[in-house]
Amino acid sequence: MQRKLAVWLGLIIAGFLCGYILQHTTLHRLQQELTGSTNQLASCRSGEQSSDLRDTATMMYLEVVQKNYGRAGEYSKEFFDQAQRIVSSTNDSVLRKVLGDTLAARDQITADLAKGKDAALPEIQSVLLKLDQNAPH
């Protein structure tokens, strides 16, 4: 009787351990998949933010070319606000450096647009070129 009980107890423990190992392996695999998906999502969001930023800078540029300085000023504010948000949230040191340099030109571009000067055009072209060169592809 004790022998049967010991065998049953051993089988129950072996079954429990097999189930535990299978579940642990499955959990580990799913955690790795989740981490991969999370990283991919973060990369997509970063790409979307960069794309939105380039779109806004392009609109600012087009408005300056058309001498719509008021609209260009609105796009300028939106662009620099977006850049500031990205700088404070990104882990990409290259992007942070590029946007930091871009934010340094904020006062000059804003002042030129407020005065209705074409002088902002080369600065905005420079910003667009830097964004395009450092864009994730």
C-alpha atoms as a PDB file:
ATOM      1  CA  MET A   1       0.000   0.000   0.000  1.00  0.00           C
ATOM      2  CA  GLN A   2       2.763   2.437   0.909  1.00  0.00           C
ATOM      3  CA  ARG A   3       4.595   1.500  -2.229  1.00  0.00           C
ATOM      4  CA  LYS A   4       1.542   2.307  -4.393  1.00  0.00           C
ATOM      5  CA  LEU A   5       1.113   5.605  -2.568  1.00  0.00           C
ATOM      6  CA  ALA A   6       4.792   6.470  -3.148  1.00  0.00           C
ATOM      7  CA  VAL A   7       4.469   5.581  -6.863  1.00  0.00           C
ATOM      8  CA  TRP A   8       1.311   7.697  -7.210  1.00  0.00           C
ATOM      9  CA  LEU A   9       2.917  10.569  -5.345  1.00  0.00           C
ATOM     10  CA  GLY A  10       6.001  10.295  -7.600  1.00  0.00           C
ATOM     11  CA  LEU A  11       3.798  10.277 -10.714  1.00  0.00           C
ATOM     12  CA  ILE A  12       1.849  13.313  -9.498  1.00  0.00           C
ATOM     13  CA  ILE A  13       5.074  15.225  -8.783  1.00  0.00           C
ATOM     14  CA  ALA A  14       6.544  14.183 -12.176  1.00  0.00           C
ATOM     15  CA  GLY A  15       3.343  15.307 -13.926  1.00  0.00           C
ATOM     16  CA  PHE A  16       3.391  18.600 -12.085  1.00  0.00           C
ATOM     17  CA  LEU A  17       7.039  19.201 -13.001  1.00  0.00           C
ATOM     18  CA  CYS A  18       6.421  18.341 -16.667  1.00  0.00           C
ATOM     19  CA  GLY A  19       3.491  20.745 -16.813  1.00  0.00           C
ATOM     20  CA  TYR A  20       5.477  23.443 -15.028  1.00  0.00           C
ATOM     21  CA  ILE A  21       8.431  23.099 -17.403  1.00  0.00           C
ATOM     22  CA  LEU A  22       6.163  23.228 -20.466  1.00  0.00           C
ATOM     23  CA  GLN A  23       4.326  26.306 -19.185  1.00  0.00           C
ATOM     24  CA  HIS A  24       7.597  28.009 -18.224  1.00  0.00           C
ATOM     25  CA  THR A  25       9.044  27.378 -21.696  1.00  0.00           C
ATOM     26  CA  THR A  26       5.888  28.707 -23.343  1.00  0.00           C
ATOM     27  CA  LEU A  27       5.875  31.780 -21.099  1.00  0.00           C
ATOM     28  CA  HIS A  28       9.525  32.511 -21.880  1.00  0.00           C
ATOM     29  CA  ARG A  29       8.908  32.232 -25.641  1.00  0.00           C
ATOM     30  CA  LEU A  30       5.861  34.498 -25.450  1.00  0.00           C
ATOM     31  CA  GLN A  31       7.789  37.083 -23.407  1.00  0.00           C
ATOM     32  CA  GLN A  32      10.489  37.141 -26.084  1.00  0.00           C
ATOM     33  CA  GLU A  33       7.866  37.614 -28.796  1.00  0.00           C
ATOM     34  CA  LEU A  34       6.262  40.413 -26.799  1.00  0.00           C
ATOM     35  CA  THR A  35       9.622  42.133 -26.352  1.00  0.00           C
ATOM     36  CA  GLY A  36      10.251  41.893 -30.099  1.00  0.00           C
ATOM     37  CA  SER A  37       6.819  43.289 -30.881  1.00  0.00           C
ATOM     38  CA  THR A  38       7.273  46.101 -28.374  1.00  0.00           C
ATOM     39  CA  ASN A  39      10.608  47.047 -29.942  1.00  0.00           C
ATOM     40  CA  GLN A  40       9.074  46.966 -33.410  1.00  0.00           C
ATOM     41  CA  LEU A  41       6.197  49.154 -32.249  1.00  0.00           C
ATOM     42  CA  ALA A  42       8.616  51.663 -30.719  1.00  0.00           C
ATOM     43  CA  SER A  43      10.562  51.753 -33.980  1.00  0.00           C
ATOM     44  CA  CYS A  44       7.373  52.357 -35.967  1.00  0.00           C
ATOM     45  CA  ARG A  45       6.306  55.147 -33.630  1.00  0.00           C
ATOM     46  CA  SER A  46       9.720  56.762 -33.927  1.00  0.00           C
ATOM     47  CA  GLY A  47       9.516  56.561 -37.711  1.00  0.00           C
ATOM     48  CA  GLU A  48       6.041  58.061 -37.650  1.00  0.00           C
ATOM     49  CA  GLN A  49       7.181  60.931 -35.425  1.00  0.00           C
ATOM     50  CA  SER A  50      10.134  61.633 -37.713  1.00  0.00           C
ATOM     51  CA  SER A  51       7.888  61.546 -40.750  1.00  0.00           C
ATOM     52  CA  ASP A  52       5.385  63.925 -39.150  1.00  0.00           C
ATOM     53  CA  LEU A  53       8.236  66.250 -38.210  1.00  0.00           C
ATOM     54  CA  ARG A  54       9.583  66.287 -41.791  1.00  0.00           C
ATOM     55  CA  ASP A  55       6.069  66.898 -43.120  1.00  0.00           C
ATOM     56  CA  THR A  56       5.617  69.892 -40.833  1.00  0.00           C
ATOM     57  CA  ALA A  57       9.047  71.297 -41.761  1.00  0.00           C
ATOM     58  CA  THR A  58       8.214  70.850 -45.450  1.00  0.00           C
ATOM     59  CA  MET A  59       4.930  72.711 -45.025  1.00  0.00           C
ATOM     60  CA  MET A  60       6.785  75.511 -43.215  1.00  0.00           C
ATOM     61  CA  TYR A  61       9.253  75.681 -46.107  1.00  0.00           C
ATOM     62  CA  LEU A  62       6.511  75.763 -48.747  1.00  0.00           C
ATOM     63  CA  GLU A  63       4.691  78.563 -46.950  1.00  0.00           C
ATOM     64  CA  VAL A  64       7.896  80.644 -46.805  1.00  0.00           C
ATOM     65  CA  VAL A  65       8.486  80.054 -50.525  1.00  0.00           C
ATOM     66  CA  GLN A  66       4.941  81.310 -51.162  1.00  0.00           C
ATOM     67  CA  LYS A  67       5.609  84.262 -48.795  1.00  0.00           C
ATOM     68  CA  ASN A  68       2.824  83.184 -46.424  1.00  0.00           C
ATOM     69  CA  TYR A  69       4.832  84.091 -43.343  1.00  0.00           C
ATOM     70  CA  GLY A  70       1.885  83.882 -40.950  1.00  0.00           C
ATOM     71  CA  ARG A  71       1.116  80.301 -41.932  1.00  0.00           C
ATOM     72  CA  ALA A  72       4.826  79.508 -41.973  1.00  0.00           C
ATOM     73  CA  GLY A  73       5.027  80.847 -38.410  1.00  0.00           C
ATOM     74  CA  GLU A  74       2.204  78.516 -37.372  1.00  0.00           C
ATOM     75  CA  TYR A  75       4.003  75.554 -38.926  1.00  0.00           C
ATOM     76  CA  SER A  76       7.223  76.740 -37.293  1.00  0.00           C
ATOM     77  CA  LYS A  77       5.637  76.670 -33.842  1.00  0.00           C
ATOM     78  CA  GLU A  78       4.167  73.222 -34.503  1.00  0.00           C
ATOM     79  CA  PHE A  79       7.496  71.955 -35.872  1.00  0.00           C
ATOM     80  CA  PHE A  80       9.582  73.143 -32.941  1.00  0.00           C
ATOM     81  CA  ASP A  81       7.031  71.850 -30.430  1.00  0.00           C
ATOM     82  CA  GLN A  82       7.141  68.427 -32.112  1.00  0.00           C
ATOM     83  CA  ALA A  83      10.941  68.503 -32.147  1.00  0.00           C
ATOM     84  CA  GLN A  84      11.030  69.340 -28.442  1.00  0.00           C
ATOM     85  CA  ARG A  85       8.691  66.443 -27.623  1.00  0.00           C
ATOM     86  CA  ILE A  86      10.801  64.022 -29.643  1.00  0.00           C
ATOM     87  CA  VAL A  87      14.061  65.209 -28.057  1.00  0.00           C
ATOM     88  CA  SER A  88      12.646  64.642 -24.601  1.00  0.00           C
ATOM     89  CA  SER A  89      11.299  61.169 -25.414  1.00  0.00           C
ATOM     90  CA  THR A  90      13.788  59.544 -27.812  1.00  0.00           C
ATOM     91  CA  ASN A  91      16.644  57.230 -26.938  1.00  0.00           C
ATOM     92  CA  ASP A  92      18.308  57.805 -30.317  1.00  0.00           C
ATOM     93  CA  SER A  93      21.384  59.939 -29.580  1.00  0.00           C
ATOM     94  CA  VAL A  94      21.910  60.899 -33.245  1.00  0.00           C
ATOM     95  CA  LEU A  95      18.333  62.118 -33.592  1.00  0.00           C
ATOM     96  CA  ARG A  96      18.575  63.929 -30.265  1.00  0.00           C
ATOM     97  CA  LYS A  97      21.741  65.735 -31.496  1.00  0.00           C
ATOM     98  CA  VAL A  98      20.183  66.696 -34.848  1.00  0.00           C
ATOM     99  CA  LEU A  99      17.023  67.991 -33.198  1.00  0.00           C
ATOM    100  CA  GLY A 100      19.050  69.783 -30.523  1.00  0.00           C
ATOM    101  CA  ASP A 101      20.937  71.618 -33.270  1.00  0.00           C
ATOM    102  CA  THR A 102      17.635  72.336 -34.992  1.00  0.00           C
ATOM    103  CA  LEU A 103      16.096  73.716 -31.811  1.00  0.00           C
ATOM    104  CA  ALA A 104      19.053  76.087 -31.515  1.00  0.00           C
ATOM    105  CA  ALA A 105      17.861  77.750 -34.750  1.00  0.00           C
ATOM    106  CA  ARG A 106      14.345  78.226 -33.353  1.00  0.00           C
ATOM    107  CA  ASP A 107      14.719  81.853 -32.271  1.00  0.00           C
ATOM    108  CA  GLN A 108      16.324  82.971 -35.538  1.00  0.00           C
ATOM    109  CA  ILE A 109      13.740  81.242 -37.730  1.00  0.00           C
ATOM    110  CA  THR A 110      10.859  82.483 -35.590  1.00  0.00           C
ATOM    111  CA  ALA A 111      12.183  86.056 -35.640  1.00  0.00           C
ATOM    112  CA  ASP A 112      12.705  86.017 -39.417  1.00  0.00           C
ATOM    113  CA  LEU A 113       9.207  84.657 -39.992  1.00  0.00           C
ATOM    114  CA  ALA A 114       7.686  87.239 -37.655  1.00  0.00           C
ATOM    115  CA  LYS A 115       9.411  90.010 -39.630  1.00  0.00           C
ATOM    116  CA  GLY A 116       8.262  88.479 -42.915  1.00  0.00           C
ATOM    117  CA  LYS A 117      11.770  87.895 -44.193  1.00  0.00           C
ATOM    118  CA  ASP A 118      13.007  85.428 -46.777  1.00  0.00           C
ATOM    119  CA  ALA A 119      16.107  85.069 -44.562  1.00  0.00           C
ATOM    120  CA  ALA A 120      14.406  82.116 -42.866  1.00  0.00           C
ATOM    121  CA  LEU A 121      14.452  80.148 -46.123  1.00  0.00           C
ATOM    122  CA  PRO A 122      18.102  78.972 -46.019  1.00  0.00           C
ATOM    123  CA  GLU A 123      17.779  78.034 -42.342  1.00  0.00           C
ATOM    124  CA  ILE A 124      14.638  76.025 -43.027  1.00  0.00           C
ATOM    125  CA  GLN A 125      16.337  74.339 -46.011  1.00  0.00           C
ATOM    126  CA  SER A 126      19.205  73.395 -43.708  1.00  0.00           C
ATOM    127  CA  VAL A 127      16.761  71.942 -41.179  1.00  0.00           C
ATOM    128  CA  LEU A 128      15.026  69.911 -43.896  1.00  0.00           C
ATOM    129  CA  LEU A 129      18.353  68.630 -45.228  1.00  0.00           C
ATOM    130  CA  LYS A 130      19.482  67.521 -41.750  1.00  0.00           C
ATOM    131  CA  LEU A 131      16.159  65.800 -41.094  1.00  0.00           C
ATOM    132  CA  ASP A 132      16.277  64.023 -44.429  1.00  0.00           C
ATOM    133  CA  GLN A 133      19.873  62.871 -43.949  1.00  0.00           C
ATOM    134  CA  ASN A 134      19.163  61.462 -40.499  1.00  0.00           C
ATOM    135  CA  ALA A 135      15.736  60.011 -41.199  1.00  0.00           C
ATOM    136  CA  PRO A 136      15.196  56.341 -40.399  1.00  0.00           C
ATOM    137  CA  HIS A 137      14.733  54.467 -43.665  1.00  0.00           C
END
